[in-house]
N, C-alpha and C. Protein backbone atom coordinates (compact mmCIF):
# COMPACT_ATOMS: atom_id res chain seq x y z
N MET A 1 13.49 14.55 -9.20
CA MET A 1 13.38 13.47 -10.18
C MET A 1 12.70 12.24 -9.57
N ALA A 2 12.99 11.98 -8.28
CA ALA A 2 12.40 10.82 -7.63
C ALA A 2 10.87 10.95 -7.56
N LEU A 3 10.38 12.15 -7.23
CA LEU A 3 8.93 12.37 -7.15
C LEU A 3 8.29 12.14 -8.51
N PHE A 4 8.93 12.64 -9.56
CA PHE A 4 8.39 12.44 -10.91
C PHE A 4 8.27 10.96 -11.24
N LEU A 5 9.31 10.19 -10.97
CA LEU A 5 9.28 8.75 -11.28
C LEU A 5 8.24 8.02 -10.45
N ILE A 6 8.11 8.40 -9.18
CA ILE A 6 7.09 7.77 -8.32
C ILE A 6 5.70 8.05 -8.87
N LEU A 7 5.42 9.32 -9.17
CA LEU A 7 4.08 9.68 -9.65
C LEU A 7 3.80 9.13 -11.04
N LEU A 8 4.83 9.03 -11.88
CA LEU A 8 4.67 8.40 -13.19
C LEU A 8 4.31 6.92 -13.03
N ALA A 9 5.01 6.24 -12.12
CA ALA A 9 4.72 4.82 -11.87
C ALA A 9 3.33 4.64 -11.29
N VAL A 10 2.93 5.53 -10.40
CA VAL A 10 1.60 5.42 -9.78
C VAL A 10 0.51 5.68 -10.81
N ALA A 11 0.65 6.74 -11.59
CA ALA A 11 -0.36 7.04 -12.62
C ALA A 11 -0.47 5.89 -13.62
N SER A 12 0.67 5.31 -13.98
CA SER A 12 0.68 4.18 -14.91
C SER A 12 0.00 2.96 -14.30
N SER A 13 0.32 2.68 -13.03
CA SER A 13 -0.29 1.54 -12.34
C SER A 13 -1.80 1.70 -12.22
N VAL A 14 -2.22 2.91 -11.84
CA VAL A 14 -3.66 3.17 -11.68
C VAL A 14 -4.37 3.00 -13.02
N ALA A 15 -3.78 3.52 -14.08
CA ALA A 15 -4.40 3.40 -15.41
C ALA A 15 -4.58 1.93 -15.80
N MET A 16 -3.54 1.13 -15.57
CA MET A 16 -3.62 -0.29 -15.95
C MET A 16 -4.58 -1.06 -15.06
N LEU A 17 -4.47 -0.88 -13.75
CA LEU A 17 -5.34 -1.61 -12.83
C LEU A 17 -6.81 -1.26 -13.06
N HIS A 18 -7.06 0.00 -13.31
CA HIS A 18 -8.44 0.44 -13.49
C HIS A 18 -9.07 -0.21 -14.73
N MET A 19 -8.30 -0.37 -15.78
CA MET A 19 -8.84 -0.94 -17.01
C MET A 19 -8.92 -2.46 -16.98
N ILE A 20 -8.19 -3.10 -16.08
CA ILE A 20 -8.29 -4.55 -15.95
C ILE A 20 -9.62 -4.93 -15.30
N ALA A 21 -10.16 -4.02 -14.49
CA ALA A 21 -11.43 -4.29 -13.82
C ALA A 21 -12.52 -4.52 -14.86
N PRO A 22 -13.29 -5.59 -14.71
CA PRO A 22 -14.31 -5.94 -15.70
C PRO A 22 -15.36 -4.85 -15.96
N ASP A 23 -15.59 -3.97 -14.99
CA ASP A 23 -16.63 -2.96 -15.22
C ASP A 23 -16.27 -1.97 -16.31
N HIS A 24 -15.01 -1.98 -16.78
CA HIS A 24 -14.63 -1.10 -17.88
C HIS A 24 -14.68 -1.80 -19.23
N TRP A 25 -14.22 -3.03 -19.31
CA TRP A 25 -14.14 -3.68 -20.61
C TRP A 25 -15.27 -4.68 -20.88
N LEU A 26 -15.86 -5.25 -19.83
CA LEU A 26 -16.88 -6.27 -20.03
C LEU A 26 -18.12 -5.74 -20.76
N PRO A 27 -18.66 -4.56 -20.40
CA PRO A 27 -19.83 -4.08 -21.15
C PRO A 27 -19.55 -3.94 -22.65
N LEU A 28 -18.38 -3.41 -22.98
CA LEU A 28 -18.04 -3.26 -24.39
C LEU A 28 -17.89 -4.62 -25.07
N SER A 29 -17.28 -5.56 -24.38
CA SER A 29 -17.12 -6.90 -24.96
C SER A 29 -18.46 -7.58 -25.19
N VAL A 30 -19.35 -7.47 -24.20
CA VAL A 30 -20.67 -8.11 -24.32
C VAL A 30 -21.47 -7.46 -25.45
N ILE A 31 -21.48 -6.14 -25.49
CA ILE A 31 -22.25 -5.43 -26.52
C ILE A 31 -21.68 -5.70 -27.91
N SER A 32 -20.35 -5.63 -28.05
CA SER A 32 -19.75 -5.85 -29.37
C SER A 32 -19.95 -7.28 -29.84
N SER A 33 -19.95 -8.22 -28.93
CA SER A 33 -20.20 -9.62 -29.27
C SER A 33 -21.64 -9.82 -29.69
N GLY A 34 -22.55 -9.27 -28.88
CA GLY A 34 -23.98 -9.43 -29.15
C GLY A 34 -24.42 -8.77 -30.45
N LYS A 35 -23.78 -7.67 -30.80
CA LYS A 35 -24.17 -6.96 -32.01
C LYS A 35 -23.30 -7.34 -33.22
N GLY A 36 -22.35 -8.21 -33.00
CA GLY A 36 -21.51 -8.67 -34.10
C GLY A 36 -20.60 -7.60 -34.69
N TYR A 37 -20.06 -6.75 -33.84
CA TYR A 37 -19.16 -5.70 -34.33
C TYR A 37 -17.93 -6.31 -34.98
N SER A 38 -17.46 -5.65 -36.01
CA SER A 38 -16.20 -6.05 -36.63
C SER A 38 -15.07 -5.68 -35.67
N ASN A 39 -13.90 -6.27 -35.89
CA ASN A 39 -12.75 -5.93 -35.05
C ASN A 39 -12.44 -4.44 -35.11
N ARG A 40 -12.54 -3.88 -36.30
CA ARG A 40 -12.25 -2.45 -36.46
C ARG A 40 -13.19 -1.61 -35.60
N LYS A 41 -14.48 -1.92 -35.65
CA LYS A 41 -15.46 -1.16 -34.88
C LYS A 41 -15.25 -1.38 -33.37
N LYS A 42 -14.98 -2.62 -32.99
CA LYS A 42 -14.79 -2.95 -31.58
C LYS A 42 -13.58 -2.19 -31.01
N TYR A 43 -12.48 -2.17 -31.75
CA TYR A 43 -11.27 -1.50 -31.23
C TYR A 43 -11.36 0.01 -31.39
N SER A 44 -12.15 0.46 -32.33
CA SER A 44 -12.41 1.91 -32.42
C SER A 44 -13.18 2.39 -31.20
N TYR A 45 -14.21 1.61 -30.82
CA TYR A 45 -14.96 1.94 -29.60
C TYR A 45 -14.06 1.85 -28.37
N SER A 46 -13.23 0.83 -28.32
CA SER A 46 -12.32 0.67 -27.18
C SER A 46 -11.39 1.87 -27.06
N THR A 47 -10.85 2.29 -28.18
CA THR A 47 -9.94 3.44 -28.19
C THR A 47 -10.69 4.71 -27.77
N ALA A 48 -11.88 4.89 -28.32
CA ALA A 48 -12.66 6.08 -27.98
C ALA A 48 -13.03 6.09 -26.50
N LEU A 49 -13.43 4.93 -25.96
CA LEU A 49 -13.77 4.86 -24.54
C LEU A 49 -12.54 5.07 -23.66
N GLY A 50 -11.42 4.49 -24.05
CA GLY A 50 -10.18 4.68 -23.28
C GLY A 50 -9.76 6.13 -23.26
N LEU A 51 -9.81 6.77 -24.44
CA LEU A 51 -9.46 8.19 -24.51
C LEU A 51 -10.49 9.06 -23.78
N GLY A 52 -11.77 8.66 -23.86
CA GLY A 52 -12.81 9.39 -23.14
C GLY A 52 -12.61 9.29 -21.64
N HIS A 53 -12.29 8.09 -21.17
CA HIS A 53 -12.04 7.88 -19.75
C HIS A 53 -10.83 8.71 -19.30
N ALA A 54 -9.74 8.63 -20.05
CA ALA A 54 -8.53 9.37 -19.69
C ALA A 54 -8.77 10.87 -19.79
N GLY A 55 -9.46 11.31 -20.85
CA GLY A 55 -9.74 12.73 -21.02
C GLY A 55 -10.60 13.29 -19.90
N ALA A 56 -11.64 12.53 -19.51
CA ALA A 56 -12.50 12.98 -18.41
C ALA A 56 -11.72 13.03 -17.10
N SER A 57 -10.86 12.03 -16.89
CA SER A 57 -10.04 11.99 -15.67
C SER A 57 -9.07 13.16 -15.63
N ILE A 58 -8.44 13.44 -16.76
CA ILE A 58 -7.47 14.54 -16.84
C ILE A 58 -8.18 15.87 -16.67
N LEU A 59 -9.36 16.01 -17.28
CA LEU A 59 -10.12 17.26 -17.15
C LEU A 59 -10.51 17.53 -15.70
N VAL A 60 -11.07 16.53 -15.03
CA VAL A 60 -11.47 16.70 -13.63
C VAL A 60 -10.25 16.99 -12.75
N ALA A 61 -9.18 16.20 -12.92
CA ALA A 61 -7.97 16.41 -12.12
C ALA A 61 -7.35 17.78 -12.40
N GLY A 62 -7.36 18.18 -13.67
CA GLY A 62 -6.81 19.49 -14.04
C GLY A 62 -7.59 20.64 -13.43
N VAL A 63 -8.91 20.55 -13.45
CA VAL A 63 -9.74 21.61 -12.86
C VAL A 63 -9.50 21.68 -11.35
N VAL A 64 -9.48 20.54 -10.69
CA VAL A 64 -9.24 20.53 -9.24
C VAL A 64 -7.84 21.06 -8.93
N PHE A 65 -6.86 20.66 -9.72
CA PHE A 65 -5.48 21.13 -9.55
C PHE A 65 -5.41 22.64 -9.72
N TYR A 66 -6.00 23.15 -10.78
CA TYR A 66 -5.98 24.60 -11.04
C TYR A 66 -6.71 25.36 -9.92
N LEU A 67 -7.88 24.89 -9.56
CA LEU A 67 -8.63 25.56 -8.48
C LEU A 67 -7.87 25.48 -7.16
N GLY A 68 -7.27 24.35 -6.91
CA GLY A 68 -6.50 24.19 -5.68
C GLY A 68 -5.35 25.17 -5.60
N ILE A 69 -4.61 25.31 -6.68
CA ILE A 69 -3.48 26.24 -6.69
C ILE A 69 -3.97 27.68 -6.65
N SER A 70 -5.05 27.97 -7.37
CA SER A 70 -5.59 29.34 -7.38
C SER A 70 -6.14 29.75 -6.02
N LEU A 71 -6.83 28.84 -5.37
CA LEU A 71 -7.48 29.18 -4.11
C LEU A 71 -6.53 29.17 -2.92
N VAL A 72 -5.52 28.34 -2.99
CA VAL A 72 -4.62 28.24 -1.83
C VAL A 72 -3.20 28.73 -2.15
N HIS A 73 -3.09 29.63 -3.11
CA HIS A 73 -1.75 30.09 -3.50
C HIS A 73 -0.97 30.68 -2.33
N ILE A 74 -1.66 31.22 -1.33
CA ILE A 74 -0.98 31.76 -0.15
C ILE A 74 -0.38 30.61 0.66
N TYR A 75 -1.04 29.46 0.63
CA TYR A 75 -0.60 28.31 1.42
C TYR A 75 0.01 27.22 0.54
N ILE A 76 0.67 27.62 -0.53
CA ILE A 76 1.20 26.67 -1.52
C ILE A 76 2.13 25.64 -0.89
N SER A 77 2.80 26.03 0.19
CA SER A 77 3.72 25.10 0.85
C SER A 77 2.98 23.91 1.46
N TYR A 78 1.67 24.03 1.65
CA TYR A 78 0.89 22.94 2.23
C TYR A 78 0.35 21.97 1.18
N LEU A 79 0.63 22.24 -0.10
CA LEU A 79 0.09 21.36 -1.15
C LEU A 79 0.65 19.95 -1.07
N VAL A 80 1.89 19.81 -0.64
CA VAL A 80 2.44 18.46 -0.51
C VAL A 80 1.62 17.66 0.49
N GLN A 81 1.35 18.28 1.64
CA GLN A 81 0.54 17.60 2.64
C GLN A 81 -0.89 17.37 2.13
N ALA A 82 -1.43 18.35 1.42
CA ALA A 82 -2.78 18.19 0.86
C ALA A 82 -2.80 17.03 -0.13
N GLY A 83 -1.76 16.93 -0.94
CA GLY A 83 -1.68 15.81 -1.89
C GLY A 83 -1.63 14.47 -1.18
N GLN A 84 -0.85 14.40 -0.10
CA GLN A 84 -0.76 13.15 0.66
C GLN A 84 -2.09 12.80 1.30
N ILE A 85 -2.75 13.80 1.87
CA ILE A 85 -4.06 13.56 2.49
C ILE A 85 -5.06 13.10 1.44
N LEU A 86 -5.03 13.74 0.26
CA LEU A 86 -5.94 13.33 -0.81
C LEU A 86 -5.63 11.91 -1.31
N LEU A 87 -4.35 11.55 -1.36
CA LEU A 87 -4.00 10.18 -1.75
C LEU A 87 -4.66 9.19 -0.79
N ILE A 88 -4.61 9.49 0.49
CA ILE A 88 -5.20 8.60 1.50
C ILE A 88 -6.72 8.60 1.38
N ILE A 89 -7.32 9.78 1.21
CA ILE A 89 -8.79 9.87 1.11
C ILE A 89 -9.29 9.13 -0.13
N VAL A 90 -8.66 9.36 -1.27
CA VAL A 90 -9.10 8.68 -2.50
C VAL A 90 -8.79 7.19 -2.42
N GLY A 91 -7.67 6.84 -1.78
CA GLY A 91 -7.39 5.42 -1.55
C GLY A 91 -8.48 4.76 -0.72
N LEU A 92 -8.92 5.45 0.34
CA LEU A 92 -10.04 4.96 1.15
C LEU A 92 -11.32 4.84 0.33
N TYR A 93 -11.55 5.83 -0.53
CA TYR A 93 -12.73 5.80 -1.40
C TYR A 93 -12.73 4.52 -2.25
N PHE A 94 -11.58 4.20 -2.85
CA PHE A 94 -11.51 3.01 -3.70
C PHE A 94 -11.73 1.73 -2.88
N ILE A 95 -11.17 1.68 -1.69
CA ILE A 95 -11.34 0.50 -0.86
C ILE A 95 -12.79 0.35 -0.41
N ILE A 96 -13.41 1.45 0.02
CA ILE A 96 -14.81 1.40 0.43
C ILE A 96 -15.71 1.06 -0.76
N ASN A 97 -15.41 1.69 -1.92
CA ASN A 97 -16.18 1.39 -3.13
C ASN A 97 -16.03 -0.07 -3.52
N GLY A 98 -14.82 -0.60 -3.41
CA GLY A 98 -14.60 -2.01 -3.72
C GLY A 98 -15.37 -2.91 -2.79
N TYR A 99 -15.44 -2.54 -1.52
CA TYR A 99 -16.16 -3.33 -0.54
C TYR A 99 -17.66 -3.36 -0.85
N ARG A 100 -18.18 -2.23 -1.34
CA ARG A 100 -19.62 -2.12 -1.62
C ARG A 100 -20.01 -2.59 -3.02
N GLU A 101 -19.01 -2.79 -3.88
CA GLU A 101 -19.30 -3.08 -5.28
C GLU A 101 -19.94 -4.45 -5.47
N SER A 102 -20.91 -4.50 -6.37
CA SER A 102 -21.56 -5.77 -6.69
C SER A 102 -21.21 -6.17 -8.11
N ASN A 103 -21.70 -7.32 -8.52
CA ASN A 103 -21.43 -7.80 -9.87
C ASN A 103 -22.07 -6.89 -10.91
N ILE A 104 -21.51 -6.92 -12.09
CA ILE A 104 -22.00 -6.10 -13.19
C ILE A 104 -23.27 -6.70 -13.76
N ASP A 105 -24.25 -5.88 -14.02
CA ASP A 105 -25.48 -6.31 -14.68
C ASP A 105 -25.31 -5.99 -16.16
N THR A 106 -25.07 -7.02 -16.96
CA THR A 106 -24.81 -6.80 -18.38
C THR A 106 -26.09 -6.58 -19.17
N SER A 107 -27.24 -6.56 -18.51
CA SER A 107 -28.48 -6.35 -19.23
C SER A 107 -28.88 -4.88 -19.29
N VAL A 108 -28.01 -3.98 -18.79
CA VAL A 108 -28.34 -2.56 -18.83
C VAL A 108 -28.28 -2.06 -20.26
N PRO A 109 -28.95 -0.95 -20.56
CA PRO A 109 -28.91 -0.42 -21.92
C PRO A 109 -27.48 -0.12 -22.38
N GLU A 110 -27.29 -0.20 -23.70
CA GLU A 110 -25.95 -0.03 -24.27
C GLU A 110 -25.29 1.28 -23.85
N ASN A 111 -25.98 2.40 -23.95
CA ASN A 111 -25.39 3.69 -23.61
C ASN A 111 -24.98 3.74 -22.14
N SER A 112 -25.80 3.18 -21.27
CA SER A 112 -25.47 3.17 -19.83
C SER A 112 -24.25 2.30 -19.57
N ALA A 113 -24.20 1.14 -20.19
CA ALA A 113 -23.08 0.22 -19.97
C ALA A 113 -21.77 0.84 -20.44
N LEU A 114 -21.79 1.50 -21.59
CA LEU A 114 -20.57 2.08 -22.12
C LEU A 114 -20.16 3.35 -21.38
N SER A 115 -21.13 4.06 -20.81
CA SER A 115 -20.78 5.29 -20.10
C SER A 115 -19.97 5.02 -18.84
N VAL A 116 -20.08 3.81 -18.27
CA VAL A 116 -19.29 3.45 -17.10
C VAL A 116 -17.80 3.56 -17.42
N GLY A 117 -17.44 3.21 -18.65
CA GLY A 117 -16.04 3.25 -19.05
C GLY A 117 -15.48 4.64 -19.16
N ILE A 118 -16.33 5.65 -19.30
CA ILE A 118 -15.85 7.02 -19.45
C ILE A 118 -15.80 7.76 -18.12
N PHE A 119 -16.48 7.25 -17.10
CA PHE A 119 -16.51 7.95 -15.82
C PHE A 119 -15.08 8.22 -15.35
N PRO A 120 -14.78 9.47 -14.93
CA PRO A 120 -13.40 9.82 -14.59
C PRO A 120 -12.84 9.05 -13.40
N ASP A 121 -11.55 8.84 -13.46
CA ASP A 121 -10.82 8.16 -12.40
C ASP A 121 -10.35 9.20 -11.40
N LEU A 122 -10.92 9.18 -10.21
CA LEU A 122 -10.60 10.18 -9.19
C LEU A 122 -9.19 10.04 -8.64
N ALA A 123 -8.55 8.91 -8.85
CA ALA A 123 -7.20 8.70 -8.34
C ALA A 123 -6.19 9.64 -8.98
N LEU A 124 -6.51 10.18 -10.13
CA LEU A 124 -5.59 11.09 -10.81
C LEU A 124 -5.49 12.44 -10.10
N ILE A 125 -6.53 12.84 -9.35
CA ILE A 125 -6.54 14.13 -8.66
C ILE A 125 -5.40 14.23 -7.65
N PRO A 126 -5.30 13.31 -6.68
CA PRO A 126 -4.20 13.45 -5.72
C PRO A 126 -2.82 13.23 -6.34
N ILE A 127 -2.76 12.45 -7.41
CA ILE A 127 -1.47 12.26 -8.09
C ILE A 127 -1.00 13.59 -8.66
N LEU A 128 -1.91 14.29 -9.32
CA LEU A 128 -1.57 15.59 -9.91
C LEU A 128 -1.23 16.62 -8.84
N ILE A 129 -2.02 16.67 -7.79
CA ILE A 129 -1.76 17.64 -6.72
C ILE A 129 -0.44 17.33 -6.02
N SER A 130 -0.13 16.05 -5.84
CA SER A 130 1.14 15.67 -5.21
C SER A 130 2.33 16.11 -6.06
N GLY A 131 2.10 16.26 -7.36
CA GLY A 131 3.18 16.64 -8.26
C GLY A 131 3.21 18.12 -8.58
N TYR A 132 2.60 18.96 -7.75
CA TYR A 132 2.52 20.40 -8.06
C TYR A 132 3.90 21.03 -8.23
N SER A 133 4.92 20.47 -7.58
CA SER A 133 6.26 21.07 -7.67
C SER A 133 7.02 20.61 -8.92
N LEU A 134 6.44 19.70 -9.67
CA LEU A 134 7.09 19.21 -10.89
C LEU A 134 6.96 20.23 -12.01
N SER A 135 7.78 20.09 -13.01
CA SER A 135 7.70 20.99 -14.16
C SER A 135 6.47 20.64 -15.00
N ALA A 136 6.08 21.57 -15.85
CA ALA A 136 4.93 21.34 -16.73
C ALA A 136 5.20 20.13 -17.63
N TYR A 137 6.44 19.99 -18.10
CA TYR A 137 6.82 18.85 -18.93
C TYR A 137 6.60 17.53 -18.19
N GLU A 138 7.00 17.48 -16.92
CA GLU A 138 6.84 16.25 -16.15
C GLU A 138 5.37 15.94 -15.88
N LEU A 139 4.59 16.96 -15.57
CA LEU A 139 3.15 16.74 -15.35
C LEU A 139 2.46 16.26 -16.62
N ILE A 140 2.81 16.88 -17.74
CA ILE A 140 2.22 16.46 -19.02
C ILE A 140 2.63 15.02 -19.35
N THR A 141 3.86 14.65 -19.05
CA THR A 141 4.32 13.28 -19.29
C THR A 141 3.50 12.29 -18.46
N ILE A 142 3.24 12.64 -17.20
CA ILE A 142 2.43 11.78 -16.33
C ILE A 142 1.02 11.63 -16.90
N LEU A 143 0.43 12.73 -17.33
CA LEU A 143 -0.93 12.69 -17.87
C LEU A 143 -0.99 11.91 -19.18
N LEU A 144 0.01 12.09 -20.04
CA LEU A 144 0.04 11.34 -21.30
C LEU A 144 0.22 9.85 -21.05
N ALA A 145 1.07 9.49 -20.09
CA ALA A 145 1.26 8.07 -19.76
C ALA A 145 -0.05 7.48 -19.26
N PHE A 146 -0.77 8.23 -18.43
CA PHE A 146 -2.06 7.77 -17.92
C PHE A 146 -3.04 7.56 -19.08
N ALA A 147 -3.12 8.53 -19.98
CA ALA A 147 -4.05 8.44 -21.11
C ALA A 147 -3.69 7.27 -22.04
N LEU A 148 -2.42 7.15 -22.35
CA LEU A 148 -1.97 6.10 -23.26
C LEU A 148 -2.20 4.71 -22.66
N LEU A 149 -1.83 4.53 -21.40
CA LEU A 149 -1.98 3.22 -20.78
C LEU A 149 -3.45 2.86 -20.53
N SER A 150 -4.27 3.84 -20.20
CA SER A 150 -5.71 3.58 -20.05
C SER A 150 -6.27 3.05 -21.35
N THR A 151 -5.95 3.72 -22.44
CA THR A 151 -6.46 3.34 -23.75
C THR A 151 -5.91 1.99 -24.20
N LEU A 152 -4.61 1.79 -24.05
CA LEU A 152 -4.00 0.53 -24.46
C LEU A 152 -4.54 -0.65 -23.66
N PHE A 153 -4.69 -0.47 -22.35
CA PHE A 153 -5.15 -1.58 -21.54
C PHE A 153 -6.62 -1.89 -21.78
N LEU A 154 -7.43 -0.89 -22.08
CA LEU A 154 -8.82 -1.19 -22.43
C LEU A 154 -8.87 -1.99 -23.73
N CYS A 155 -8.09 -1.58 -24.72
CA CYS A 155 -8.04 -2.33 -25.98
C CYS A 155 -7.50 -3.74 -25.74
N LEU A 156 -6.48 -3.88 -24.91
CA LEU A 156 -5.92 -5.19 -24.60
C LEU A 156 -6.96 -6.09 -23.92
N MET A 157 -7.71 -5.54 -22.99
CA MET A 157 -8.71 -6.35 -22.29
C MET A 157 -9.82 -6.79 -23.25
N VAL A 158 -10.24 -5.91 -24.14
CA VAL A 158 -11.26 -6.27 -25.13
C VAL A 158 -10.70 -7.33 -26.08
N PHE A 159 -9.44 -7.20 -26.46
CA PHE A 159 -8.77 -8.19 -27.31
C PHE A 159 -8.74 -9.55 -26.62
N LEU A 160 -8.31 -9.57 -25.34
CA LEU A 160 -8.24 -10.83 -24.60
C LEU A 160 -9.62 -11.46 -24.44
N ALA A 161 -10.62 -10.63 -24.20
CA ALA A 161 -11.99 -11.13 -24.07
C ALA A 161 -12.44 -11.77 -25.38
N ALA A 162 -12.10 -11.16 -26.50
CA ALA A 162 -12.48 -11.70 -27.81
C ALA A 162 -11.77 -13.02 -28.10
N ARG A 163 -10.64 -13.24 -27.46
CA ARG A 163 -9.87 -14.47 -27.67
C ARG A 163 -10.24 -15.56 -26.67
N GLY A 164 -11.31 -15.33 -25.92
CA GLY A 164 -11.77 -16.35 -24.99
C GLY A 164 -11.21 -16.24 -23.58
N MET A 165 -10.34 -15.28 -23.35
CA MET A 165 -9.75 -15.15 -22.01
C MET A 165 -10.59 -14.25 -21.11
N GLY A 166 -11.63 -13.66 -21.68
CA GLY A 166 -12.48 -12.76 -20.92
C GLY A 166 -13.16 -13.43 -19.74
N LYS A 167 -13.55 -14.70 -19.93
CA LYS A 167 -14.23 -15.41 -18.85
C LYS A 167 -13.31 -15.60 -17.65
N ILE A 168 -12.05 -15.85 -17.93
CA ILE A 168 -11.08 -16.01 -16.84
C ILE A 168 -10.87 -14.68 -16.13
N ILE A 169 -10.67 -13.63 -16.91
CA ILE A 169 -10.40 -12.31 -16.34
C ILE A 169 -11.64 -11.76 -15.65
N ALA A 170 -12.82 -12.04 -16.19
CA ALA A 170 -14.06 -11.53 -15.61
C ALA A 170 -14.35 -12.14 -14.24
N ARG A 171 -13.69 -13.24 -13.94
CA ARG A 171 -13.86 -13.85 -12.62
C ARG A 171 -13.22 -13.00 -11.52
N ILE A 172 -12.32 -12.11 -11.92
CA ILE A 172 -11.69 -11.22 -10.94
C ILE A 172 -12.71 -10.14 -10.60
N PRO A 173 -13.20 -10.15 -9.38
CA PRO A 173 -14.19 -9.13 -9.02
C PRO A 173 -13.56 -7.72 -9.09
N PRO A 174 -14.31 -6.75 -9.61
CA PRO A 174 -13.79 -5.38 -9.71
C PRO A 174 -13.32 -4.83 -8.36
N LYS A 175 -13.89 -5.34 -7.28
CA LYS A 175 -13.50 -4.83 -5.97
C LYS A 175 -12.01 -5.06 -5.70
N TYR A 176 -11.44 -6.13 -6.24
CA TYR A 176 -10.02 -6.38 -6.01
C TYR A 176 -9.15 -5.35 -6.70
N MET A 177 -9.58 -4.89 -7.86
CA MET A 177 -8.85 -3.82 -8.53
C MET A 177 -8.93 -2.53 -7.71
N ASP A 178 -10.13 -2.27 -7.17
CA ASP A 178 -10.28 -1.08 -6.32
C ASP A 178 -9.39 -1.19 -5.09
N TYR A 179 -9.31 -2.38 -4.49
CA TYR A 179 -8.44 -2.57 -3.33
C TYR A 179 -6.97 -2.30 -3.70
N MET A 180 -6.58 -2.80 -4.87
CA MET A 180 -5.20 -2.61 -5.30
C MET A 180 -4.90 -1.14 -5.56
N ILE A 181 -5.85 -0.44 -6.20
CA ILE A 181 -5.65 0.99 -6.45
C ILE A 181 -5.55 1.73 -5.13
N GLY A 182 -6.42 1.41 -4.18
CA GLY A 182 -6.35 2.02 -2.86
C GLY A 182 -4.99 1.78 -2.20
N ALA A 183 -4.50 0.55 -2.29
CA ALA A 183 -3.19 0.21 -1.70
C ALA A 183 -2.07 0.98 -2.38
N VAL A 184 -2.13 1.10 -3.72
CA VAL A 184 -1.11 1.87 -4.45
C VAL A 184 -1.12 3.32 -3.99
N LEU A 185 -2.29 3.90 -3.80
CA LEU A 185 -2.38 5.29 -3.36
C LEU A 185 -1.84 5.45 -1.93
N PHE A 186 -2.15 4.50 -1.04
CA PHE A 186 -1.61 4.55 0.33
C PHE A 186 -0.08 4.47 0.31
N LEU A 187 0.45 3.52 -0.46
CA LEU A 187 1.90 3.38 -0.55
C LEU A 187 2.56 4.62 -1.13
N THR A 188 1.88 5.26 -2.08
CA THR A 188 2.43 6.48 -2.66
C THR A 188 2.51 7.59 -1.62
N ALA A 189 1.44 7.75 -0.83
CA ALA A 189 1.45 8.77 0.23
C ALA A 189 2.60 8.50 1.20
N ALA A 190 2.78 7.25 1.57
CA ALA A 190 3.87 6.90 2.49
C ALA A 190 5.24 7.13 1.86
N THR A 191 5.37 6.80 0.59
CA THR A 191 6.66 6.98 -0.10
C THR A 191 7.01 8.46 -0.23
N ILE A 192 6.02 9.29 -0.53
CA ILE A 192 6.28 10.72 -0.67
C ILE A 192 6.79 11.32 0.64
N VAL A 193 6.30 10.81 1.76
CA VAL A 193 6.77 11.28 3.07
C VAL A 193 8.28 11.08 3.18
N PHE A 194 8.76 9.94 2.67
CA PHE A 194 10.18 9.62 2.80
C PHE A 194 11.04 10.18 1.68
N VAL A 195 10.42 10.64 0.60
CA VAL A 195 11.17 11.23 -0.51
C VAL A 195 11.27 12.72 -0.24
């Protein structure tokens, strides 16, 4: 039960932190503002992008999880260690990516700007692999929480941007969100060792 709660909290944190980063909500806010989208259209796009992001993340993590279990079924006892190693590797990826990240260019074409929001979140892969010993119900709960919170937080960020708070939030460089996600993944790997 402890592992389930840890991974649920981590997946939820990653979903929220990832959507607070301006590179997910700012393009949609700029485009919807510039084109005069109605609230209904703006939040429909936000919901679709949030679900697209979560769906792509779940699909990639699910394929890697399935392939991992299929290919290493003889060494299934090593999946806990593999999950911890992947948490550290993906955590490092986020920190390095945050270090290299530059400001968003809002002048990119609409399709390109919005596609950034759908790109899968690689942090879900080690979370899923770390939870291989959980029941299907628990894994599905983690994935649903990730999808729901990703979508809700993207809509919330677009809402806040429309209310004038976007300028304040946009001052937070995306690299800080990447650093936080990396730190959450490191802490999760360490916590799993002790659980």
